[in-house]
Amino acid sequence: MSGRLKTALKLLVASAALVASTSPFAANSTECTNLKLCYCVNDDFKPVIEEKIKFYRQQIADARAKGKAVAYMSLPLSTLGGGFFDVNTEVAKKTKDRIEARFGVDSVWVLSPGTKESDLSLPSGARGTNDDYMLMWTRILEGVKGLGEDFDFVYFVGPSDFGAFFGFDGVADMKKVDAYFDERIKTDKNLQREVERGRVTKQTFRNYYGLKGSITVSNGAHEEWNIFRTLNERRRADKAYGIGNQIPMLFDGKAVPPATAEIPNTPGISGACKVN
């Protein structure tokens, strides 16, 4: 996931709570997908989610019409564990560009969640939750048939992708992160605000980007790993696909070994609404 300050993912990070019971919006209810993943979402947001799903499916169709392979890129976006949303969205942009350049911009199009297009454009006063966004992404990823038929591969962002952003070269890399923080904090009001709130410190920022930056520390990415693992399980059992037509999974720029690709992850976000 800066020009993206108003993205819905930013709003997601700003509010961990569900819409208050006094809200003019509808109550939350459990919505399940083709993959039997359930999320607790606000009923008023469902039409907006459906419109965004149509938008992305059209983007995918446009890329396919140009003969391009379509990829989904999974990465952490939230200001969580020492990371910073704005940096993560910049990493997303550079990584998307690098993947497309690696395979060829005429051959591959990468769908990245770290863009302003992922804004749900919710009604005034509304704030989306993790569940609202994951319902949207799950339905996009699983496709109409529940076989991930819109995607040719998935790219899970790893440490070297973050390292490329900071210019790591294997020599005092964490000092590079320190220097980056020192320079950015001078002018970045959003980073200054996160530091004032105690959500980010120079040390947590350094440790995050020097040691943790990858899908390993993302709830959403854990969910997405499980989605693609399940899609491939379905493909292996489907006569129209079979083992030779699984969705290739790449992590940190390299193919994920078969056994690893078939192992489920710790669930990230999914779950039915809690009954009080």
Protein backbone atom coordinates (compact mmCIF):
# COMPACT_ATOMS: atom_id res chain seq x y z
CA MET A 1 0.00 0.00 0.00
CA SER A 2 2.59 10.69 -0.07
CA GLY A 3 -0.20 10.87 -2.57
CA ARG A 4 -1.95 7.91 -1.00
CA LEU A 5 -2.82 9.57 2.32
CA LYS A 6 -6.52 9.17 1.64
CA THR A 7 -6.42 5.55 0.63
CA ALA A 8 -8.77 3.26 2.41
CA LEU A 9 -5.87 1.18 3.66
CA LYS A 10 -4.63 4.27 5.52
CA LEU A 11 -8.05 4.53 7.10
CA LEU A 12 -7.84 0.84 7.91
CA VAL A 13 -4.65 1.42 9.88
CA ALA A 14 -6.10 4.47 11.63
CA SER A 15 -9.03 2.53 13.06
CA ALA A 16 -8.77 -0.99 14.35
CA ALA A 17 -12.29 -0.92 15.79
CA LEU A 18 -15.46 -1.74 13.90
CA VAL A 19 -18.00 0.98 13.15
CA ALA A 20 -19.53 2.00 16.46
CA SER A 21 -23.01 0.82 17.33
CA THR A 22 -24.21 4.46 17.19
CA SER A 23 -23.10 4.74 13.58
CA PRO A 24 -25.73 5.60 10.93
CA PHE A 25 -24.42 2.66 8.92
CA ALA A 26 -25.79 -0.86 8.99
CA ALA A 27 -24.68 -3.49 11.46
CA ASN A 28 -21.92 -5.97 10.69
CA SER A 29 -22.70 -9.43 9.41
CA THR A 30 -20.73 -12.51 8.39
CA GLU A 31 -20.01 -12.80 4.66
CA CYS A 32 -18.40 -15.97 3.30
CA THR A 33 -16.63 -16.48 -0.01
CA ASN A 34 -16.35 -19.31 -2.53
CA LEU A 35 -13.30 -20.58 -0.60
CA LYS A 36 -15.39 -20.77 2.60
CA LEU A 37 -13.44 -17.90 4.14
CA CYS A 38 -15.70 -15.71 6.26
CA TYR A 39 -15.34 -12.05 7.22
CA CYS A 40 -17.29 -9.72 9.49
CA VAL A 41 -18.27 -6.81 7.24
CA ASN A 42 -20.63 -3.86 7.26
CA ASP A 43 -23.69 -4.49 5.09
CA ASP A 44 -23.68 -0.90 3.78
CA PHE A 45 -20.19 -1.39 2.35
CA LYS A 46 -21.02 -4.48 0.28
CA PRO A 47 -22.16 -2.57 -2.86
CA VAL A 48 -18.92 -0.55 -2.78
CA ILE A 49 -16.90 -3.74 -2.41
CA GLU A 50 -18.72 -5.27 -5.39
CA GLU A 51 -17.96 -2.21 -7.52
CA LYS A 52 -14.28 -2.43 -6.65
CA ILE A 53 -14.23 -6.14 -7.52
CA LYS A 54 -15.71 -5.27 -10.94
CA PHE A 55 -13.09 -2.55 -11.36
CA TYR A 56 -10.18 -4.93 -10.75
CA ARG A 57 -11.66 -7.69 -12.89
CA GLN A 58 -11.87 -5.20 -15.73
CA GLN A 59 -8.23 -4.21 -15.19
CA ILE A 60 -7.30 -7.89 -15.33
CA ALA A 61 -9.35 -8.36 -18.49
CA ASP A 62 -7.64 -5.36 -20.07
CA ALA A 63 -4.20 -6.80 -19.26
CA ARG A 64 -5.16 -10.18 -20.68
CA ALA A 65 -6.48 -8.53 -23.84
CA LYS A 66 -2.95 -7.20 -24.33
CA GLY A 67 -1.57 -10.73 -24.00
CA LYS A 68 -0.07 -10.15 -20.56
CA ALA A 69 0.30 -12.64 -17.73
CA VAL A 70 -1.40 -11.35 -14.58
CA ALA A 71 0.22 -11.47 -11.15
CA TYR A 72 -0.89 -10.51 -7.68
CA MET A 73 1.68 -8.98 -5.33
CA SER A 74 1.30 -9.62 -1.60
CA LEU A 75 3.16 -7.45 0.93
CA PRO A 76 2.73 -5.78 4.34
CA LEU A 77 1.23 -2.29 4.26
CA SER A 78 0.13 -1.39 7.78
CA THR A 79 2.08 0.73 10.21
CA LEU A 80 2.64 -2.29 12.43
CA GLY A 81 5.60 -3.72 14.32
CA GLY A 82 7.83 -0.75 13.49
CA GLY A 83 6.96 -0.45 9.81
CA PHE A 84 5.51 2.70 8.25
CA PHE A 85 2.57 2.72 5.84
CA ASP A 86 3.95 5.35 3.47
CA VAL A 87 7.29 3.57 3.11
CA ASN A 88 5.52 0.28 2.51
CA THR A 89 3.43 1.77 -0.30
CA GLU A 90 6.61 3.14 -1.87
CA VAL A 91 8.21 -0.30 -1.60
CA ALA A 92 5.07 -1.70 -3.26
CA LYS A 93 5.40 0.69 -6.20
CA LYS A 94 9.11 0.01 -6.75
CA THR A 95 8.68 -3.74 -6.35
CA LYS A 96 5.78 -3.81 -8.82
CA ASP A 97 7.91 -1.87 -11.32
CA ARG A 98 10.86 -4.21 -10.76
CA ILE A 99 8.77 -7.38 -11.23
CA GLU A 100 7.26 -6.04 -14.44
CA ALA A 101 10.69 -4.99 -15.69
CA ARG A 102 12.14 -8.40 -14.81
CA PHE A 103 9.60 -10.34 -16.84
CA GLY A 104 8.92 -7.59 -19.37
CA VAL A 105 6.33 -4.82 -19.20
CA ASP A 106 4.80 -6.12 -22.42
CA SER A 107 4.47 -9.60 -20.91
CA VAL A 108 3.38 -9.10 -17.29
CA TRP A 109 1.01 -6.88 -15.34
CA VAL A 110 1.16 -6.90 -11.53
CA LEU A 111 -1.88 -6.09 -9.43
CA SER A 112 -0.61 -4.34 -6.31
CA PRO A 113 -2.83 -3.61 -3.28
CA GLY A 114 -0.63 -0.67 -2.29
CA THR A 115 -2.16 1.86 -4.67
CA LYS A 116 -4.82 4.55 -4.49
CA GLU A 117 -7.06 2.36 -6.66
CA SER A 118 -7.58 0.07 -3.67
CA ASP A 119 -9.57 2.87 -2.01
CA LEU A 120 -13.07 1.56 -1.37
CA SER A 121 -14.50 5.11 -1.57
CA LEU A 122 -16.73 4.43 1.40
CA PRO A 123 -19.59 6.75 2.39
CA SER A 124 -18.65 9.90 4.29
CA GLY A 125 -17.82 9.08 7.90
CA ALA A 126 -17.32 5.40 7.23
CA ARG A 127 -14.13 3.53 7.95
CA GLY A 128 -13.32 0.12 6.60
CA THR A 129 -11.83 -2.67 8.65
CA ASN A 130 -9.45 -5.48 7.83
CA ASP A 131 -12.46 -7.71 7.14
CA ASP A 132 -14.03 -5.32 4.61
CA TYR A 133 -10.81 -5.21 2.59
CA MET A 134 -10.04 -8.90 2.85
CA LEU A 135 -13.54 -9.78 1.64
CA MET A 136 -12.82 -7.64 -1.42
CA TRP A 137 -9.36 -9.10 -2.07
CA THR A 138 -10.42 -12.69 -1.41
CA ARG A 139 -13.20 -12.46 -3.97
CA ILE A 140 -10.84 -10.89 -6.48
CA LEU A 141 -8.19 -13.55 -5.92
CA GLU A 142 -10.48 -16.58 -5.92
CA GLY A 143 -12.27 -15.57 -9.14
CA VAL A 144 -15.80 -16.38 -10.21
CA LYS A 145 -15.11 -20.13 -10.34
CA GLY A 146 -13.15 -20.24 -7.10
CA LEU A 147 -10.04 -21.44 -8.94
CA GLY A 148 -8.05 -18.22 -9.11
CA GLU A 149 -8.60 -18.28 -12.86
CA ASP A 150 -7.69 -14.60 -13.27
CA PHE A 151 -4.09 -15.02 -12.07
CA ASP A 152 -1.00 -16.54 -13.66
CA PHE A 153 1.27 -16.20 -10.63
CA VAL A 154 1.51 -14.60 -7.19
CA TYR A 155 4.55 -12.74 -5.87
CA PHE A 156 5.06 -12.64 -2.09
CA VAL A 157 7.37 -9.78 -1.15
CA GLY A 158 10.42 -10.78 0.89
CA PRO A 159 13.46 -9.24 2.63
CA SER A 160 15.49 -8.68 -0.53
CA ASP A 161 12.63 -6.66 -2.03
CA PHE A 162 12.71 -4.33 0.95
CA GLY A 163 16.50 -4.41 0.84
CA ALA A 164 16.48 -3.25 -2.77
CA PHE A 165 14.42 -0.24 -1.75
CA PHE A 166 16.97 0.80 0.88
CA GLY A 167 19.99 -0.05 -1.25
CA PHE A 168 21.27 -2.90 0.92
CA ASP A 169 24.62 -4.28 -0.24
CA GLY A 170 25.52 -6.60 2.63
CA VAL A 171 27.67 -4.06 4.49
CA ALA A 172 26.21 -2.26 7.54
CA ASP A 173 22.72 -2.42 6.05
CA MET A 174 20.96 -1.41 9.26
CA LYS A 175 22.98 1.79 9.34
CA LYS A 176 21.50 2.56 5.93
CA VAL A 177 18.04 2.30 7.47
CA ASP A 178 19.11 4.60 10.31
CA ALA A 179 20.38 7.15 7.80
CA TYR A 180 17.18 6.87 5.78
CA PHE A 181 15.07 7.46 8.92
CA ASP A 182 17.17 10.46 9.98
CA GLU A 183 16.73 12.08 6.58
CA ARG A 184 13.04 11.32 6.18
CA ILE A 185 11.97 12.41 9.66
CA LYS A 186 13.16 15.95 8.87
CA THR A 187 10.36 16.62 6.37
CA ASP A 188 7.83 13.78 6.52
CA LYS A 189 4.98 15.02 8.68
CA ASN A 190 3.23 11.66 8.63
CA LEU A 191 6.30 9.91 9.98
CA GLN A 192 6.71 12.66 12.56
CA ARG A 193 3.11 12.08 13.63
CA GLU A 194 3.61 8.33 13.99
CA VAL A 195 6.71 8.92 16.10
CA GLU A 196 4.81 11.39 18.30
CA ARG A 197 2.10 8.80 18.80
CA GLY A 198 4.69 6.24 19.83
CA ARG A 199 3.79 3.89 16.99
CA VAL A 200 7.22 4.15 15.39
CA THR A 201 10.67 4.85 16.81
CA LYS A 202 14.01 5.02 15.09
CA GLN A 203 14.95 1.66 16.61
CA THR A 204 11.71 -0.14 15.69
CA PHE A 205 11.92 1.36 12.18
CA ARG A 206 15.50 0.11 11.80
CA ASN A 207 14.68 -3.35 13.15
CA TYR A 208 11.59 -3.68 10.98
CA TYR A 209 13.22 -2.78 7.69
CA GLY A 210 16.57 -4.31 8.54
CA LEU A 211 15.23 -7.62 9.87
CA LYS A 212 11.49 -8.13 9.40
CA GLY A 213 10.31 -6.47 6.20
CA SER A 214 8.42 -9.22 4.34
CA ILE A 215 5.06 -10.99 4.20
CA THR A 216 6.05 -12.86 7.37
CA VAL A 217 4.84 -9.96 9.53
CA SER A 218 1.58 -9.24 7.68
CA ASN A 219 -1.84 -10.55 8.72
CA GLY A 220 -3.23 -9.87 5.27
CA ALA A 221 -0.35 -11.65 3.54
CA HIS A 222 -0.84 -14.70 5.78
CA GLU A 223 -4.44 -14.75 4.59
CA GLU A 224 -3.34 -14.40 0.96
CA TRP A 225 -0.87 -17.27 1.27
CA ASN A 226 -3.68 -19.50 2.49
CA ILE A 227 -5.90 -18.32 -0.35
CA PHE A 228 -3.40 -19.26 -3.05
CA ARG A 229 -2.53 -22.53 -1.31
CA THR A 230 -6.21 -23.44 -1.31
CA LEU A 231 -6.67 -22.36 -4.93
CA ASN A 232 -3.82 -24.66 -5.97
CA GLU A 233 -5.30 -27.49 -3.92
CA ARG A 234 -8.52 -27.03 -5.83
CA ARG A 235 -6.71 -26.89 -9.15
CA ARG A 236 -4.88 -30.14 -8.48
CA ALA A 237 -8.24 -31.82 -7.90
CA ASP A 238 -9.89 -30.25 -10.95
CA LYS A 239 -9.65 -32.19 -14.21
CA ALA A 240 -9.61 -28.97 -16.22
CA TYR A 241 -6.45 -27.81 -14.39
CA GLY A 242 -4.50 -30.53 -12.60
CA ILE A 243 -1.06 -30.33 -11.06
CA GLY A 244 0.48 -28.85 -14.21
CA ASN A 245 -1.74 -25.77 -14.04
CA GLN A 246 -1.23 -24.63 -10.46
CA ILE A 247 -0.64 -20.93 -9.80
CA PRO A 248 3.14 -20.40 -9.44
CA MET A 249 4.03 -18.92 -6.05
CA LEU A 250 7.14 -16.76 -5.75
CA PHE A 251 8.63 -15.51 -2.48
CA ASP A 252 11.45 -12.97 -2.40
CA GLY A 253 11.89 -13.37 -6.14
CA LYS A 254 12.26 -17.16 -6.15
CA ALA A 255 9.87 -20.03 -6.76
CA VAL A 256 8.40 -21.57 -3.61
CA PRO A 257 9.22 -25.31 -3.34
CA PRO A 258 6.19 -27.59 -3.85
CA ALA A 259 6.05 -28.93 -0.30
CA THR A 260 6.30 -25.44 1.18
CA ALA A 261 3.62 -24.11 -1.17
CA GLU A 262 1.21 -26.75 0.11
CA ILE A 263 1.62 -25.89 3.81
CA PRO A 264 -1.13 -23.66 5.31
CA ASN A 265 -0.17 -20.52 7.18
CA THR A 266 -1.40 -19.18 10.48
CA PRO A 267 -4.79 -17.58 9.67
CA GLY A 268 -4.46 -13.83 9.35
CA ILE A 269 -7.86 -12.12 9.37
CA SER A 270 -10.78 -14.38 8.45
CA GLY A 271 -13.46 -15.25 10.94
CA ALA A 272 -17.18 -14.85 11.50
CA CYS A 273 -18.65 -11.95 13.46
CA LYS A 274 -18.45 -12.48 17.19
CA VAL A 275 -21.75 -12.86 18.98
CA ASN A 276 -21.93 -10.90 22.22
